[in-house]
């Protein structure tokens, strides 16, 4: 189980060193109870009127959506994205100094840009797995680009309901070939199972992690919700690459490797 810093601990050079070595740092109490309730309410409002947000529902729930409120719809959502521009409260979260102060340190830049906003909601009894992967495999930047993910628990994230699993130090292996199997993922056999480390968090706790860290979440088979919000940041002005270049680096079917 990963070490988790308590609330109120200043993010120090030692924490930066641990991030460099392990590829992640977990912090409890980044958001307080009121923050968490406000974020959940804002997500529910976006679900009522998605606008430009993209919503991906669990397949078993699609035929049950008619007439559901935004709050009730949360129990049918796998993930949704691009909601920050649809909600002043969620935009404020993405700019929160408690987040950005740490992100700037880890990115090594005072000027950072929000690269992606995503809510990952594992509904009770049917929230699916997210297999092992590297987040940089989904972003069109060179592998050395410092991309920092911030994964914030909105419910208690436990071993039973699908908390984050990481492999400490795996980011230092560089890009790993991904395959289109259960998802776009690292082959299960290419993951250091002995290094599998769980990161349970209380509501408001956060995991800051490197874009090349091997991580994933198991399915939620419990009757408890496991909702979380995820933000990715990159130094401002970093040039992107073509999608073909991304696939050349991280894999596409046809490489001389098998899974």
Protein backbone atom coordinates (compact mmCIF):
# COMPACT_ATOMS: atom_id res chain seq x y z
CA UNK A 1 0.00 0.00 0.00
CA UNK A 2 1.32 3.43 -0.92
CA UNK A 3 2.33 6.03 1.64
CA UNK A 4 -0.15 8.92 1.73
CA UNK A 5 0.75 12.38 3.00
CA UNK A 6 -1.66 13.88 5.56
CA UNK A 7 -3.57 17.09 4.89
CA UNK A 8 -1.64 20.30 5.47
CA UNK A 9 1.83 18.92 4.75
CA UNK A 10 3.72 21.35 2.52
CA UNK A 11 4.85 19.88 -0.77
CA UNK A 12 8.61 19.87 -0.31
CA UNK A 13 11.73 19.09 -2.31
CA UNK A 14 11.66 15.66 -0.67
CA UNK A 15 8.18 15.06 -2.12
CA UNK A 16 9.50 16.15 -5.52
CA UNK A 17 12.32 13.63 -5.11
CA UNK A 18 9.85 10.88 -4.26
CA UNK A 19 7.81 11.79 -7.32
CA UNK A 20 10.94 11.56 -9.49
CA UNK A 21 11.79 8.14 -8.06
CA UNK A 22 8.33 6.59 -7.66
CA UNK A 23 6.32 8.49 -10.28
CA UNK A 24 3.56 9.50 -7.87
CA UNK A 25 2.72 11.21 -4.59
CA UNK A 26 -0.60 10.72 -2.74
CA UNK A 27 -2.09 13.42 -0.50
CA UNK A 28 -5.12 13.09 1.77
CA UNK A 29 -7.39 16.07 2.37
CA UNK A 30 -6.46 18.11 -0.68
CA UNK A 31 -10.15 19.07 -0.93
CA UNK A 32 -12.39 19.42 2.11
CA UNK A 33 -15.88 17.99 2.54
CA UNK A 34 -17.60 21.14 1.24
CA UNK A 35 -15.38 21.16 -1.86
CA UNK A 36 -16.25 17.54 -2.61
CA UNK A 37 -19.99 18.18 -2.29
CA UNK A 38 -19.75 21.22 -4.57
CA UNK A 39 -17.81 19.29 -7.20
CA UNK A 40 -20.32 16.42 -7.14
CA UNK A 41 -23.22 18.88 -7.48
CA UNK A 42 -21.47 20.58 -10.41
CA UNK A 43 -20.90 17.26 -12.16
CA UNK A 44 -24.59 16.40 -11.72
CA UNK A 45 -25.57 19.75 -13.26
CA UNK A 46 -23.36 19.11 -16.28
CA UNK A 47 -24.98 15.71 -16.73
CA UNK A 48 -28.39 17.41 -16.82
CA UNK A 49 -27.19 19.75 -19.60
CA UNK A 50 -23.93 18.37 -21.05
CA UNK A 51 -23.36 21.06 -23.66
CA UNK A 52 -19.92 20.26 -25.14
CA UNK A 53 -19.14 17.64 -22.49
CA UNK A 54 -18.84 14.06 -23.74
CA UNK A 55 -20.58 11.37 -21.68
CA UNK A 56 -19.80 7.65 -21.89
CA UNK A 57 -22.43 5.53 -20.10
CA UNK A 58 -21.96 1.97 -18.92
CA UNK A 59 -23.39 -0.34 -21.59
CA UNK A 60 -25.81 -2.01 -19.16
CA UNK A 61 -27.32 1.38 -18.25
CA UNK A 62 -28.01 2.94 -21.65
CA UNK A 63 -31.66 1.80 -21.85
CA UNK A 64 -32.35 3.14 -18.32
CA UNK A 65 -31.40 6.77 -18.87
CA UNK A 66 -34.76 8.22 -19.86
CA UNK A 67 -36.07 10.49 -17.13
CA UNK A 68 -33.06 10.17 -14.82
CA UNK A 69 -31.85 13.34 -13.09
CA UNK A 70 -28.21 14.41 -13.28
CA UNK A 71 -27.52 13.01 -9.81
CA UNK A 72 -29.16 9.68 -10.68
CA UNK A 73 -27.34 9.55 -14.01
CA UNK A 74 -24.03 9.50 -12.17
CA UNK A 75 -24.79 5.91 -11.25
CA UNK A 76 -24.88 5.03 -14.96
CA UNK A 77 -21.77 6.89 -16.16
CA UNK A 78 -18.43 5.26 -16.89
CA UNK A 79 -16.68 8.54 -17.69
CA UNK A 80 -17.26 11.97 -19.08
CA UNK A 81 -14.94 14.62 -20.39
CA UNK A 82 -14.62 18.30 -21.37
CA UNK A 83 -16.91 19.53 -18.59
CA UNK A 84 -14.67 22.27 -17.16
CA UNK A 85 -15.90 24.81 -19.72
CA UNK A 86 -19.52 23.90 -18.84
CA UNK A 87 -19.26 24.73 -15.11
CA UNK A 88 -17.78 27.69 -13.25
CA UNK A 89 -17.24 25.47 -10.18
CA UNK A 90 -15.35 22.82 -12.15
CA UNK A 91 -13.30 25.47 -13.95
CA UNK A 92 -12.38 26.88 -10.53
CA UNK A 93 -11.29 23.40 -9.44
CA UNK A 94 -8.97 23.11 -12.44
CA UNK A 95 -7.38 26.44 -11.41
CA UNK A 96 -7.31 25.73 -7.67
CA UNK A 97 -3.97 26.87 -6.14
CA UNK A 98 -3.88 23.73 -3.98
CA UNK A 99 -3.59 21.77 -7.22
CA UNK A 100 -1.62 24.14 -9.40
CA UNK A 101 1.10 24.84 -6.80
CA UNK A 102 2.01 21.15 -6.80
CA UNK A 103 1.53 20.68 -10.55
CA UNK A 104 3.88 23.59 -11.32
CA UNK A 105 6.57 22.05 -9.13
CA UNK A 106 6.19 18.63 -10.77
CA UNK A 107 6.04 20.02 -14.32
CA UNK A 108 9.04 22.25 -13.65
CA UNK A 109 7.23 25.29 -15.04
CA UNK A 110 5.34 28.26 -13.63
CA UNK A 111 3.12 28.25 -16.73
CA UNK A 112 1.02 25.13 -17.13
CA UNK A 113 -2.04 24.36 -19.24
CA UNK A 114 -4.95 22.05 -18.56
CA UNK A 115 -4.57 19.23 -21.06
CA UNK A 116 -7.59 17.10 -20.19
CA UNK A 117 -10.47 16.97 -17.72
CA UNK A 118 -12.25 13.69 -17.09
CA UNK A 119 -14.58 12.24 -14.46
CA UNK A 120 -14.22 8.50 -13.87
CA UNK A 121 -17.31 7.17 -12.14
CA UNK A 122 -17.46 3.51 -11.17
CA UNK A 123 -21.14 2.99 -10.36
CA UNK A 124 -22.20 0.49 -7.70
CA UNK A 125 -22.20 -3.10 -8.89
CA UNK A 126 -21.11 -2.39 -12.45
CA UNK A 127 -18.22 0.07 -12.76
CA UNK A 128 -15.87 -1.51 -15.22
CA UNK A 129 -12.10 -2.04 -15.01
CA UNK A 130 -9.53 0.35 -16.47
CA UNK A 131 -6.60 -1.95 -17.40
CA UNK A 132 -2.95 -1.09 -16.85
CA UNK A 133 -1.80 1.79 -19.06
CA UNK A 134 0.33 4.93 -19.32
CA UNK A 135 -1.58 8.17 -19.76
CA UNK A 136 1.01 9.57 -22.16
CA UNK A 137 -0.08 6.84 -24.58
CA UNK A 138 -3.31 8.81 -25.08
CA UNK A 139 -1.66 12.22 -25.60
CA UNK A 140 0.14 13.37 -28.75
CA UNK A 141 3.38 14.63 -27.17
CA UNK A 142 6.92 13.29 -27.16
CA UNK A 143 7.44 10.81 -24.28
CA UNK A 144 9.79 13.14 -22.39
CA UNK A 145 7.11 15.81 -22.08
CA UNK A 146 6.30 16.35 -18.37
CA UNK A 147 2.59 15.52 -18.16
CA UNK A 148 1.17 15.40 -14.61
CA UNK A 149 -2.12 13.73 -13.75
CA UNK A 150 -4.19 14.66 -10.68
CA UNK A 151 -6.71 11.99 -9.65
CA UNK A 152 -9.08 13.21 -6.91
CA UNK A 153 -11.35 10.83 -4.99
CA UNK A 154 -14.92 12.08 -4.52
CA UNK A 155 -15.95 8.97 -2.54
CA UNK A 156 -13.84 6.68 -0.41
CA UNK A 157 -11.71 4.82 -2.97
CA UNK A 158 -10.91 1.38 -1.54
CA UNK A 159 -9.36 -1.88 -2.65
CA UNK A 160 -12.87 -3.31 -2.94
CA UNK A 161 -14.51 -0.63 -5.07
CA UNK A 162 -11.72 0.21 -7.52
CA UNK A 163 -9.07 2.51 -6.05
CA UNK A 164 -5.96 3.31 -8.06
CA UNK A 165 -3.22 0.71 -8.47
CA UNK A 166 0.29 1.84 -9.47
CA UNK A 167 3.71 0.31 -10.05
CA UNK A 168 6.26 2.59 -8.32
CA UNK A 169 9.17 3.59 -10.54
CA UNK A 170 7.59 2.18 -13.71
CA UNK A 171 7.63 5.62 -15.35
CA UNK A 172 11.41 5.34 -15.59
CA UNK A 173 11.03 2.48 -18.09
CA UNK A 174 9.82 4.99 -20.67
CA UNK A 175 7.05 4.29 -23.19
CA UNK A 176 5.66 0.74 -23.24
CA UNK A 177 3.82 -0.72 -26.21
CA UNK A 178 0.04 -0.68 -25.74
CA UNK A 179 -2.47 -3.04 -27.33
CA UNK A 180 -6.17 -2.76 -28.13
CA UNK A 181 -7.53 -5.56 -25.95
CA UNK A 182 -10.02 -4.79 -23.16
CA UNK A 183 -8.98 -1.15 -23.70
CA UNK A 184 -5.89 0.57 -25.11
CA UNK A 185 -3.61 -0.97 -22.52
CA UNK A 186 -0.29 -2.41 -21.49
CA UNK A 187 -0.29 -6.18 -21.94
CA UNK A 188 -1.09 -7.75 -18.56
CA UNK A 189 2.05 -9.87 -18.80
CA UNK A 190 4.23 -6.78 -19.27
CA UNK A 191 3.25 -5.30 -15.89
CA UNK A 192 5.37 -5.95 -12.80
CA UNK A 193 2.68 -7.68 -10.75
CA UNK A 194 5.01 -7.90 -7.75
CA UNK A 195 5.20 -4.11 -7.74
CA UNK A 196 1.43 -3.60 -7.78
CA UNK A 197 0.75 -0.98 -5.10
CA UNK A 198 -2.72 0.16 -4.06
CA UNK A 199 -3.53 3.80 -3.28
CA UNK A 200 -6.76 3.98 -1.25
CA UNK A 201 -7.96 7.53 -0.63
CA UNK A 202 -10.67 9.23 1.38
CA UNK A 203 -13.00 11.76 -0.31
CA UNK A 204 -10.91 14.80 -1.21
CA UNK A 205 -7.66 12.83 -1.31
CA UNK A 206 -5.53 13.14 -4.45
CA UNK A 207 -2.92 11.20 -6.37
CA UNK A 208 -0.39 13.27 -8.37
CA UNK A 209 1.25 10.99 -10.92
CA UNK A 210 3.66 10.96 -13.87
CA UNK A 211 2.23 10.46 -17.36
CA UNK A 212 4.40 7.36 -17.92
CA UNK A 213 3.49 5.64 -14.62
CA UNK A 214 1.92 2.20 -15.04
CA UNK A 215 -1.48 2.41 -13.36
CA UNK A 216 -5.03 1.11 -13.56
CA UNK A 217 -8.19 0.45 -11.56
CA UNK A 218 -10.13 -2.79 -11.11
CA UNK A 219 -13.88 -3.07 -11.53
CA UNK A 220 -16.25 -1.96 -8.78
CA UNK A 221 -18.17 -5.05 -7.66
CA UNK A 222 -19.48 -3.46 -4.47
CA UNK A 223 -22.68 -1.55 -3.77
CA UNK A 224 -20.71 1.62 -3.00
CA UNK A 225 -19.96 4.44 -5.43
CA UNK A 226 -16.37 5.14 -6.44
CA UNK A 227 -16.44 8.52 -8.15
CA UNK A 228 -13.30 10.45 -9.01
CA UNK A 229 -12.24 13.41 -11.13
CA UNK A 230 -9.01 13.52 -13.10
CA UNK A 231 -7.11 16.49 -14.50
CA UNK A 232 -3.97 16.47 -16.65
CA UNK A 233 -1.54 19.34 -17.00
CA UNK A 234 1.39 20.10 -19.31
CA UNK A 235 3.86 23.02 -19.48
CA UNK A 236 2.36 25.80 -21.57
CA UNK A 237 3.54 26.02 -25.15
CA UNK A 238 4.95 22.48 -25.42
CA UNK A 239 4.60 21.43 -29.08
CA UNK A 240 2.52 18.40 -29.89
CA UNK A 241 3.22 15.61 -32.37
CA UNK A 242 1.03 13.85 -34.92
CA UNK A 243 -1.26 11.04 -33.83
CA UNK A 244 0.75 8.72 -36.04
CA UNK A 245 3.90 9.65 -34.12
CA UNK A 246 2.07 8.82 -30.86
CA UNK A 247 1.12 5.38 -32.21
CA UNK A 248 4.64 4.81 -33.53
CA UNK A 249 5.89 5.33 -29.98
CA UNK A 250 3.24 3.62 -27.88
CA UNK A 251 2.02 0.96 -30.23
CA UNK A 252 -0.54 0.07 -32.80
CA UNK A 253 -1.55 -3.37 -34.04
CA UNK A 254 1.14 -4.66 -36.37
CA UNK A 255 4.23 -4.00 -34.27
CA UNK A 256 6.60 -6.96 -33.93
CA UNK A 257 5.34 -7.69 -30.43
CA UNK A 258 2.46 -9.78 -29.14
CA UNK A 259 0.13 -9.74 -26.18
